[in-house]
Amino acid sequence: MNSIREGENELSLLGTKTEYRQDYAPEVLEAFTNKHQENDYWVRFDCPEFTGLCPITGQPDFATIHINYIPDVKMVESKSLKLYLFSFRNHGAFHEDCVNIIMKDLIHLMQPRYIEVWGDFSPRGGISIVPFCNYGRPGTRYEQLAERRLESYR
C-alpha cells in the first residue's frame, strides 16, 4: 500500500474531472517514477481512436497509434497520454509529422532508453499511410536496437 502512495505526488490528473484540450497540448503529459529501473522491459500503448486534421484540407484523419518503449527513470502516465493524443483532434499535421511529434514529446518527457511510434492511418483517397519512427539512447545498445528495428521495419 505504501509503494502505491509514493507515486501519487507525481501525478495531478488521476482522480480529477477530465478536461479535454481543443488543440495540440504537450503540457498535459505527466510522468511517474519507474519502480523497476534495474530491468529492461517493454511498455506498449495501442491507441485505436486517434484523430487529427489534414493541415491542407482540414479533413479528419483516423489512425491507431502504437507506442512501444523501454523506460528508464520515468514512465508516461496513461490518462495524460490519452488527453495528449486527444489534443491532436483539431490539430492540423501530416501523418508523418504526428508520429514524429508524439515520439519527440515522449522523449522530452521520459528520456526512455528506447522508443518507437507508428501510426496505422485509415485510407483516404485509396491510400493508407503507416509512418514509423524510433529512437535509441545514443552511445548505448539501445541506439543499435533503434538501427536494427528501423532497418527491419516491414
C-alpha atoms as a PDB file:
ATOM      1  CA  MET A   1       0.000   0.000   0.000  1.00  0.00           C
ATOM      2  CA  ASN A   2       2.787   2.413   0.845  1.00  0.00           C
ATOM      3  CA  SER A   3       4.512   1.917  -2.537  1.00  0.00           C
ATOM      4  CA  ILE A   4       1.317   2.995  -4.353  1.00  0.00           C
ATOM      5  CA  ARG A   5       1.154   6.237  -2.403  1.00  0.00           C
ATOM      6  CA  GLU A   6       4.764   7.098  -3.245  1.00  0.00           C
ATOM      7  CA  GLY A   7       3.841   7.885  -6.870  1.00  0.00           C
ATOM      8  CA  GLU A   8       0.706   9.886  -6.068  1.00  0.00           C
ATOM      9  CA  ASN A   9       2.629  13.145  -5.573  1.00  0.00           C
ATOM     10  CA  GLU A  10       3.963  12.949  -9.135  1.00  0.00           C
ATOM     11  CA  LEU A  11       0.533  12.873 -10.832  1.00  0.00           C
ATOM     12  CA  SER A  12      -2.189  15.504 -10.943  1.00  0.00           C
ATOM     13  CA  LEU A  13      -4.732  14.191 -13.487  1.00  0.00           C
ATOM     14  CA  LEU A  14      -5.832  10.922 -11.886  1.00  0.00           C
ATOM     15  CA  GLY A  15      -8.962  11.311  -9.808  1.00  0.00           C
ATOM     16  CA  THR A  16      -9.845  14.735 -11.228  1.00  0.00           C
ATOM     17  CA  LYS A  17     -12.509  15.835 -13.695  1.00  0.00           C
ATOM     18  CA  THR A  18     -11.247  15.288 -17.227  1.00  0.00           C
ATOM     19  CA  GLU A  19     -10.674  18.448 -19.260  1.00  0.00           C
ATOM     20  CA  TYR A  20     -10.199  17.836 -22.979  1.00  0.00           C
ATOM     21  CA  ARG A  21      -7.946  20.315 -24.747  1.00  0.00           C
ATOM     22  CA  GLN A  22      -9.066  21.532 -28.154  1.00  0.00           C
ATOM     23  CA  ASP A  23      -5.627  21.786 -29.779  1.00  0.00           C
ATOM     24  CA  TYR A  24      -2.171  20.252 -29.503  1.00  0.00           C
ATOM     25  CA  ALA A  25      -1.228  20.263 -25.805  1.00  0.00           C
ATOM     26  CA  PRO A  26       2.066  18.552 -24.871  1.00  0.00           C
ATOM     27  CA  GLU A  27       1.900  20.185 -21.440  1.00  0.00           C
ATOM     28  CA  VAL A  28      -0.780  17.688 -20.338  1.00  0.00           C
ATOM     29  CA  LEU A  29       1.732  14.812 -20.398  1.00  0.00           C
ATOM     30  CA  GLU A  30       2.733  13.550 -16.959  1.00  0.00           C
ATOM     31  CA  ALA A  31       5.365  11.049 -15.871  1.00  0.00           C
ATOM     32  CA  PHE A  32       5.936   8.968 -12.783  1.00  0.00           C
ATOM     33  CA  THR A  33       8.980   7.159 -11.421  1.00  0.00           C
ATOM     34  CA  ASN A  34       9.719   3.686 -12.787  1.00  0.00           C
ATOM     35  CA  LYS A  35       9.945   1.314  -9.825  1.00  0.00           C
ATOM     36  CA  HIS A  36      11.884  -1.285 -11.842  1.00  0.00           C
ATOM     37  CA  GLN A  37      14.731   0.743 -13.304  1.00  0.00           C
ATOM     38  CA  GLU A  38      17.104  -2.192 -12.984  1.00  0.00           C
ATOM     39  CA  ASN A  39      15.061  -4.145 -15.564  1.00  0.00           C
ATOM     40  CA  ASP A  40      14.777  -3.774 -19.304  1.00  0.00           C
ATOM     41  CA  TYR A  41      11.132  -4.274 -20.253  1.00  0.00           C
ATOM     42  CA  TRP A  42       8.681  -3.117 -22.886  1.00  0.00           C
ATOM     43  CA  VAL A  43       5.668  -0.895 -22.327  1.00  0.00           C
ATOM     44  CA  ARG A  44       3.166  -0.812 -25.180  1.00  0.00           C
ATOM     45  CA  PHE A  45       0.242   1.508 -25.824  1.00  0.00           C
ATOM     46  CA  ASP A  46      -2.220   0.931 -28.646  1.00  0.00           C
ATOM     47  CA  CYS A  47      -4.423   3.947 -29.234  1.00  0.00           C
ATOM     48  CA  PRO A  48      -7.121   2.982 -31.774  1.00  0.00           C
ATOM     49  CA  GLU A  49      -9.110   6.225 -31.617  1.00  0.00           C
ATOM     50  CA  PHE A  50      -6.507   8.781 -32.723  1.00  0.00           C
ATOM     51  CA  THR A  51      -7.842  11.624 -34.841  1.00  0.00           C
ATOM     52  CA  GLY A  52      -6.215  14.654 -36.376  1.00  0.00           C
ATOM     53  CA  LEU A  53      -6.805  17.032 -39.237  1.00  0.00           C
ATOM     54  CA  CYS A  54      -5.150  17.301 -42.622  1.00  0.00           C
ATOM     55  CA  PRO A  55      -3.258  20.616 -42.491  1.00  0.00           C
ATOM     56  CA  ILE A  56      -4.244  21.413 -46.094  1.00  0.00           C
ATOM     57  CA  THR A  57      -7.869  20.300 -46.463  1.00  0.00           C
ATOM     58  CA  GLY A  58      -8.995  20.236 -42.827  1.00  0.00           C
ATOM     59  CA  GLN A  59     -10.441  16.759 -43.394  1.00  0.00           C
ATOM     60  CA  PRO A  60     -10.262  14.359 -40.439  1.00  0.00           C
ATOM     61  CA  ASP A  61      -7.647  11.625 -40.315  1.00  0.00           C
ATOM     62  CA  PHE A  62      -8.140   8.486 -38.244  1.00  0.00           C
ATOM     63  CA  ALA A  63      -5.442   6.122 -37.008  1.00  0.00           C
ATOM     64  CA  THR A  64      -4.310   3.595 -34.490  1.00  0.00           C
ATOM     65  CA  ILE A  65      -1.167   4.954 -32.868  1.00  0.00           C
ATOM     66  CA  HIS A  66       1.238   2.357 -31.468  1.00  0.00           C
ATOM     67  CA  ILE A  67       3.837   3.341 -28.885  1.00  0.00           C
ATOM     68  CA  ASN A  68       6.473   0.904 -27.604  1.00  0.00           C
ATOM     69  CA  TYR A  69       9.187   1.960 -25.218  1.00  0.00           C
ATOM     70  CA  ILE A  70      11.776   0.695 -22.781  1.00  0.00           C
ATOM     71  CA  PRO A  71      11.607   3.016 -19.774  1.00  0.00           C
ATOM     72  CA  ASP A  72      14.475   4.328 -17.739  1.00  0.00           C
ATOM     73  CA  VAL A  73      13.743   6.568 -14.728  1.00  0.00           C
ATOM     74  CA  LYS A  74      10.379   7.995 -15.844  1.00  0.00           C
ATOM     75  CA  MET A  75       7.245   6.492 -17.403  1.00  0.00           C
ATOM     76  CA  VAL A  76       4.285   8.201 -19.062  1.00  0.00           C
ATOM     77  CA  GLU A  77       1.008   8.142 -17.153  1.00  0.00           C
ATOM     78  CA  SER A  78      -1.739   6.645 -19.337  1.00  0.00           C
ATOM     79  CA  LYS A  79      -4.534   9.171 -18.660  1.00  0.00           C
ATOM     80  CA  SER A  80      -2.231  12.048 -19.527  1.00  0.00           C
ATOM     81  CA  LEU A  81      -1.214  10.197 -22.701  1.00  0.00           C
ATOM     82  CA  LYS A  82      -4.891   9.786 -23.624  1.00  0.00           C
ATOM     83  CA  LEU A  83      -5.535  13.506 -23.112  1.00  0.00           C
ATOM     84  CA  TYR A  84      -2.384  14.386 -25.056  1.00  0.00           C
ATOM     85  CA  LEU A  85      -3.369  12.196 -28.021  1.00  0.00           C
ATOM     86  CA  PHE A  86      -6.901  13.651 -27.895  1.00  0.00           C
ATOM     87  CA  SER A  87      -5.365  17.132 -28.213  1.00  0.00           C
ATOM     88  CA  PHE A  88      -4.452  16.302 -31.834  1.00  0.00           C
ATOM     89  CA  ARG A  89      -8.172  16.112 -32.687  1.00  0.00           C
ATOM     90  CA  ASN A  90      -8.325  19.681 -34.057  1.00  0.00           C
ATOM     91  CA  HIS A  91      -4.623  19.978 -34.883  1.00  0.00           C
ATOM     92  CA  GLY A  92      -3.514  20.086 -38.490  1.00  0.00           C
ATOM     93  CA  ALA A  93      -0.470  17.911 -39.163  1.00  0.00           C
ATOM     94  CA  PHE A  94       0.582  15.378 -41.757  1.00  0.00           C
ATOM     95  CA  HIS A  95       0.648  11.733 -40.660  1.00  0.00           C
ATOM     96  CA  GLU A  96       4.444  11.627 -40.651  1.00  0.00           C
ATOM     97  CA  ASP A  97       4.557  14.776 -38.528  1.00  0.00           C
ATOM     98  CA  CYS A  98       2.116  13.327 -35.989  1.00  0.00           C
ATOM     99  CA  VAL A  99       4.197  10.244 -35.185  1.00  0.00           C
ATOM    100  CA  ASN A 100       7.449  12.230 -35.001  1.00  0.00           C
ATOM    101  CA  ILE A 101       5.893  14.906 -32.776  1.00  0.00           C
ATOM    102  CA  ILE A 102       4.480  12.242 -30.454  1.00  0.00           C
ATOM    103  CA  MET A 103       7.850  10.476 -30.228  1.00  0.00           C
ATOM    104  CA  LYS A 104       9.786  13.689 -29.560  1.00  0.00           C
ATOM    105  CA  ASP A 105       7.347  14.830 -26.878  1.00  0.00           C
ATOM    106  CA  LEU A 106       7.602  11.463 -25.124  1.00  0.00           C
ATOM    107  CA  ILE A 107      11.406  11.547 -25.331  1.00  0.00           C
ATOM    108  CA  HIS A 108      11.358  15.011 -23.790  1.00  0.00           C
ATOM    109  CA  LEU A 109       9.026  13.814 -21.016  1.00  0.00           C
ATOM    110  CA  MET A 110      10.658  10.498 -20.104  1.00  0.00           C
ATOM    111  CA  GLN A 111      14.134  10.185 -21.623  1.00  0.00           C
ATOM    112  CA  PRO A 112      13.431   6.489 -22.340  1.00  0.00           C
ATOM    113  CA  ARG A 113      16.138   4.001 -23.189  1.00  0.00           C
ATOM    114  CA  TYR A 114      14.296   3.216 -26.424  1.00  0.00           C
ATOM    115  CA  ILE A 115      11.026   4.289 -28.045  1.00  0.00           C
ATOM    116  CA  GLU A 116       9.162   3.698 -31.278  1.00  0.00           C
ATOM    117  CA  VAL A 117       5.939   5.208 -32.532  1.00  0.00           C
ATOM    118  CA  TRP A 118       3.988   4.297 -35.604  1.00  0.00           C
ATOM    119  CA  GLY A 119       0.605   5.227 -36.955  1.00  0.00           C
ATOM    120  CA  ASP A 120      -1.705   2.965 -38.899  1.00  0.00           C
ATOM    121  CA  PHE A 121      -3.774   5.650 -40.647  1.00  0.00           C
ATOM    122  CA  SER A 122      -7.075   4.770 -42.283  1.00  0.00           C
ATOM    123  CA  PRO A 123      -7.088   5.049 -46.065  1.00  0.00           C
ATOM    124  CA  ARG A 124      -8.190   8.306 -47.600  1.00  0.00           C
ATOM    125  CA  GLY A 125      -8.375   8.554 -51.363  1.00  0.00           C
ATOM    126  CA  GLY A 126      -7.435   4.878 -51.646  1.00  0.00           C
ATOM    127  CA  ILE A 127      -4.069   5.175 -49.889  1.00  0.00           C
ATOM    128  CA  SER A 128      -3.195   4.272 -46.331  1.00  0.00           C
ATOM    129  CA  ILE A 129      -0.074   5.669 -44.714  1.00  0.00           C
ATOM    130  CA  VAL A 130       1.842   3.868 -41.952  1.00  0.00           C
ATOM    131  CA  PRO A 131       4.722   6.091 -40.765  1.00  0.00           C
ATOM    132  CA  PHE A 132       7.242   4.682 -38.272  1.00  0.00           C
ATOM    133  CA  CYS A 133       9.873   6.491 -36.223  1.00  0.00           C
ATOM    134  CA  ASN A 134      12.129   5.403 -33.393  1.00  0.00           C
ATOM    135  CA  TYR A 135      14.930   6.466 -31.077  1.00  0.00           C
ATOM    136  CA  GLY A 136      17.562   4.674 -29.039  1.00  0.00           C
ATOM    137  CA  ARG A 137      19.665   6.499 -26.490  1.00  0.00           C
ATOM    138  CA  PRO A 138      22.922   7.497 -28.229  1.00  0.00           C
ATOM    139  CA  GLY A 139      26.069   5.643 -27.236  1.00  0.00           C
ATOM    140  CA  THR A 140      24.162   2.691 -25.784  1.00  0.00           C
ATOM    141  CA  ARG A 141      22.966  -0.675 -27.029  1.00  0.00           C
ATOM    142  CA  TYR A 142      19.545   0.944 -27.472  1.00  0.00           C
ATOM    143  CA  GLU A 143      20.984   3.039 -30.284  1.00  0.00           C
ATOM    144  CA  GLN A 144      21.857  -0.197 -32.105  1.00  0.00           C
ATOM    145  CA  LEU A 145      18.375  -1.559 -31.315  1.00  0.00           C
ATOM    146  CA  ALA A 146      16.880   1.523 -32.983  1.00  0.00           C
ATOM    147  CA  GLU A 147      19.041   0.991 -36.070  1.00  0.00           C
ATOM    148  CA  ARG A 148      18.062  -2.692 -36.321  1.00  0.00           C
ATOM    149  CA  ARG A 149      14.343  -2.002 -35.817  1.00  0.00           C
ATOM    150  CA  LEU A 150      14.376   0.764 -38.427  1.00  0.00           C
ATOM    151  CA  GLU A 151      16.215  -1.403 -40.975  1.00  0.00           C
ATOM    152  CA  SER A 152      13.800  -4.297 -40.468  1.00  0.00           C
ATOM    153  CA  TYR A 153      10.619  -2.196 -40.421  1.00  0.00           C
ATOM    154  CA  ARG A 154       8.071  -4.025 -42.562  1.00  0.00           C
END
